[in-house]
């Protein structure tokens, strides 16, 4: 348990140190994929992640690990990651097929013109991928925490 406290303190110190060294800067959370190579490789990564999570779910079920609560949570986290990747894949494909006239502005001020989109509700729903990604991360965390606590008990 002492090692985890040391690691936690080290991470905190490195985080604070990097903030002091790097100073204040702009950190954008949006990754732009220039056409076509960037989008293609990104879409292939989504497909690879879907396949990886499906194989992991299959492996968990085949080995019977989902009988334990921690592994069951991890399985549900994998399922939510699949849902997230499918939604992100479709959302990227929809956006790539939209004409440039569908958007106003550039960069962070880029906005969707609703009149030009066939199904704006679907597009906007797919852009809210955090609704499936965040629960997937939480389920993965809770599953790992459950397994850790079970193993840590004497």
Protein backbone atom coordinates (compact mmCIF):
# COMPACT_ATOMS: atom_id res chain seq x y z
CA UNK A 1 0.00 0.00 0.00
CA UNK A 2 2.96 2.30 0.68
CA UNK A 3 4.14 1.98 -2.93
CA UNK A 4 0.80 3.34 -4.19
CA UNK A 5 1.12 6.39 -1.95
CA UNK A 6 4.63 7.02 -3.29
CA UNK A 7 3.46 6.67 -6.89
CA UNK A 8 0.50 8.98 -6.24
CA UNK A 9 2.80 11.60 -4.68
CA UNK A 10 5.25 11.29 -7.58
CA UNK A 11 2.48 11.78 -10.16
CA UNK A 12 1.19 14.81 -8.27
CA UNK A 13 4.65 16.36 -8.05
CA UNK A 14 5.36 15.72 -11.74
CA UNK A 15 1.99 17.23 -12.67
CA UNK A 16 2.66 20.37 -10.65
CA UNK A 17 6.23 20.59 -11.94
CA UNK A 18 5.10 20.26 -15.57
CA UNK A 19 2.56 23.05 -15.04
CA UNK A 20 5.27 25.34 -13.71
CA UNK A 21 7.73 24.47 -16.49
CA UNK A 22 5.27 24.51 -19.37
CA UNK A 23 3.37 27.51 -18.09
CA UNK A 24 -0.06 28.44 -19.22
CA UNK A 25 -0.86 27.49 -22.72
CA UNK A 26 -3.81 26.56 -24.80
CA UNK A 27 -4.75 22.90 -24.59
CA UNK A 28 -7.30 21.96 -27.20
CA UNK A 29 -9.33 18.81 -26.62
CA UNK A 30 -10.33 18.55 -30.26
CA UNK A 31 -8.29 16.45 -32.64
CA UNK A 32 -8.61 17.43 -36.28
CA UNK A 33 -8.19 14.74 -38.91
CA UNK A 34 -7.28 16.24 -42.27
CA UNK A 35 -8.84 14.58 -45.27
CA UNK A 36 -8.47 11.88 -46.34
CA UNK A 37 -5.56 10.06 -44.65
CA UNK A 38 -6.19 11.35 -41.14
CA UNK A 39 -9.86 10.45 -41.24
CA UNK A 40 -9.21 7.00 -42.72
CA UNK A 41 -6.62 6.06 -40.12
CA UNK A 42 -8.88 7.40 -37.35
CA UNK A 43 -11.84 5.39 -38.64
CA UNK A 44 -9.68 2.25 -38.87
CA UNK A 45 -8.66 2.84 -35.24
CA UNK A 46 -12.35 2.95 -34.25
CA UNK A 47 -12.95 -0.37 -36.05
CA UNK A 48 -9.89 -1.91 -34.40
CA UNK A 49 -11.09 -0.76 -30.96
CA UNK A 50 -14.56 -2.24 -31.62
CA UNK A 51 -12.99 -5.56 -32.63
CA UNK A 52 -10.66 -5.53 -29.60
CA UNK A 53 -13.48 -4.92 -27.14
CA UNK A 54 -15.65 -7.61 -28.79
CA UNK A 55 -12.83 -10.14 -28.55
CA UNK A 56 -12.23 -9.18 -24.91
CA UNK A 57 -15.94 -9.66 -24.09
CA UNK A 58 -15.87 -13.03 -25.86
CA UNK A 59 -12.75 -14.04 -23.90
CA UNK A 60 -14.27 -12.96 -20.56
CA UNK A 61 -17.45 -14.93 -21.22
CA UNK A 62 -15.63 -18.02 -22.52
CA UNK A 63 -13.45 -18.19 -19.41
CA UNK A 64 -16.45 -17.64 -17.14
CA UNK A 65 -14.94 -14.57 -15.52
CA UNK A 66 -18.16 -12.56 -15.82
CA UNK A 67 -19.52 -14.52 -12.86
CA UNK A 68 -17.42 -12.23 -10.67
CA UNK A 69 -18.75 -8.68 -10.13
CA UNK A 70 -15.52 -6.89 -11.11
CA UNK A 71 -15.17 -8.71 -14.40
CA UNK A 72 -18.86 -8.20 -15.11
CA UNK A 73 -18.39 -4.43 -14.73
CA UNK A 74 -15.39 -4.57 -17.05
CA UNK A 75 -17.50 -6.48 -19.57
CA UNK A 76 -20.18 -3.77 -19.46
CA UNK A 77 -17.47 -1.15 -19.81
CA UNK A 78 -16.24 -2.92 -22.95
CA UNK A 79 -19.79 -2.99 -24.30
CA UNK A 80 -20.13 0.75 -23.68
CA UNK A 81 -16.80 1.33 -25.44
CA UNK A 82 -18.22 -0.56 -28.43
CA UNK A 83 -21.34 1.64 -28.41
CA UNK A 84 -19.14 4.73 -28.15
CA UNK A 85 -16.92 3.67 -31.06
CA UNK A 86 -19.87 2.78 -33.29
CA UNK A 87 -21.43 6.18 -32.61
CA UNK A 88 -18.15 8.01 -33.16
CA UNK A 89 -17.53 6.07 -36.38
CA UNK A 90 -20.97 6.96 -37.76
CA UNK A 91 -20.63 10.57 -36.59
CA UNK A 92 -17.26 10.97 -38.33
CA UNK A 93 -18.67 9.41 -41.50
CA UNK A 94 -21.68 11.75 -41.43
CA UNK A 95 -19.47 14.79 -40.90
CA UNK A 96 -17.12 13.79 -43.72
CA UNK A 97 -20.06 13.55 -46.13
CA UNK A 98 -21.50 16.95 -45.21
CA UNK A 99 -20.79 19.82 -47.58
CA UNK A 100 -18.69 22.68 -46.29
CA UNK A 101 -21.77 24.90 -46.49
CA UNK A 102 -23.22 22.93 -43.56
CA UNK A 103 -20.84 24.71 -41.23
CA UNK A 104 -20.18 28.35 -40.38
CA UNK A 105 -16.90 29.55 -38.93
CA UNK A 106 -13.55 27.88 -38.39
CA UNK A 107 -11.93 25.98 -35.54
CA UNK A 108 -13.60 26.43 -32.15
CA UNK A 109 -16.19 28.83 -33.56
CA UNK A 110 -17.37 26.28 -36.13
CA UNK A 111 -21.15 25.86 -35.94
CA UNK A 112 -23.63 23.62 -37.71
CA UNK A 113 -26.23 25.25 -39.96
CA UNK A 114 -29.33 23.19 -39.17
CA UNK A 115 -31.14 24.01 -42.41
CA UNK A 116 -28.48 22.29 -44.50
CA UNK A 117 -28.42 18.97 -42.63
CA UNK A 118 -30.87 16.18 -43.42
CA UNK A 119 -30.99 14.82 -39.86
CA UNK A 120 -29.47 17.35 -37.44
CA UNK A 121 -30.81 15.55 -34.35
CA UNK A 122 -28.93 12.34 -35.23
CA UNK A 123 -25.75 14.24 -36.04
CA UNK A 124 -25.87 16.28 -32.82
CA UNK A 125 -26.64 13.15 -30.77
CA UNK A 126 -23.65 11.36 -32.28
CA UNK A 127 -21.42 14.34 -31.43
CA UNK A 128 -22.32 13.88 -27.74
CA UNK A 129 -20.20 10.74 -27.56
CA UNK A 130 -19.20 11.52 -23.96
CA UNK A 131 -22.62 10.13 -22.96
CA UNK A 132 -21.30 6.63 -23.69
CA UNK A 133 -17.54 7.10 -23.29
CA UNK A 134 -17.59 8.44 -19.73
CA UNK A 135 -19.82 5.62 -18.39
CA UNK A 136 -17.52 3.12 -20.13
CA UNK A 137 -14.51 4.57 -18.34
CA UNK A 138 -16.36 4.59 -15.01
CA UNK A 139 -17.44 0.96 -15.45
CA UNK A 140 -13.87 -0.05 -16.29
CA UNK A 141 -12.58 1.81 -13.22
CA UNK A 142 -15.19 0.27 -10.90
CA UNK A 143 -14.46 -3.19 -12.27
CA UNK A 144 -10.72 -2.82 -11.74
CA UNK A 145 -11.32 -1.39 -8.26
CA UNK A 146 -13.55 -4.35 -7.38
CA UNK A 147 -10.96 -6.87 -8.56
CA UNK A 148 -8.21 -5.03 -6.68
CA UNK A 149 -10.20 -4.98 -3.44
CA UNK A 150 -11.04 -8.67 -3.76
CA UNK A 151 -7.38 -9.56 -4.32
CA UNK A 152 -6.11 -7.24 -1.57
CA UNK A 153 -8.22 -8.89 1.12
CA UNK A 154 -6.16 -11.22 3.32
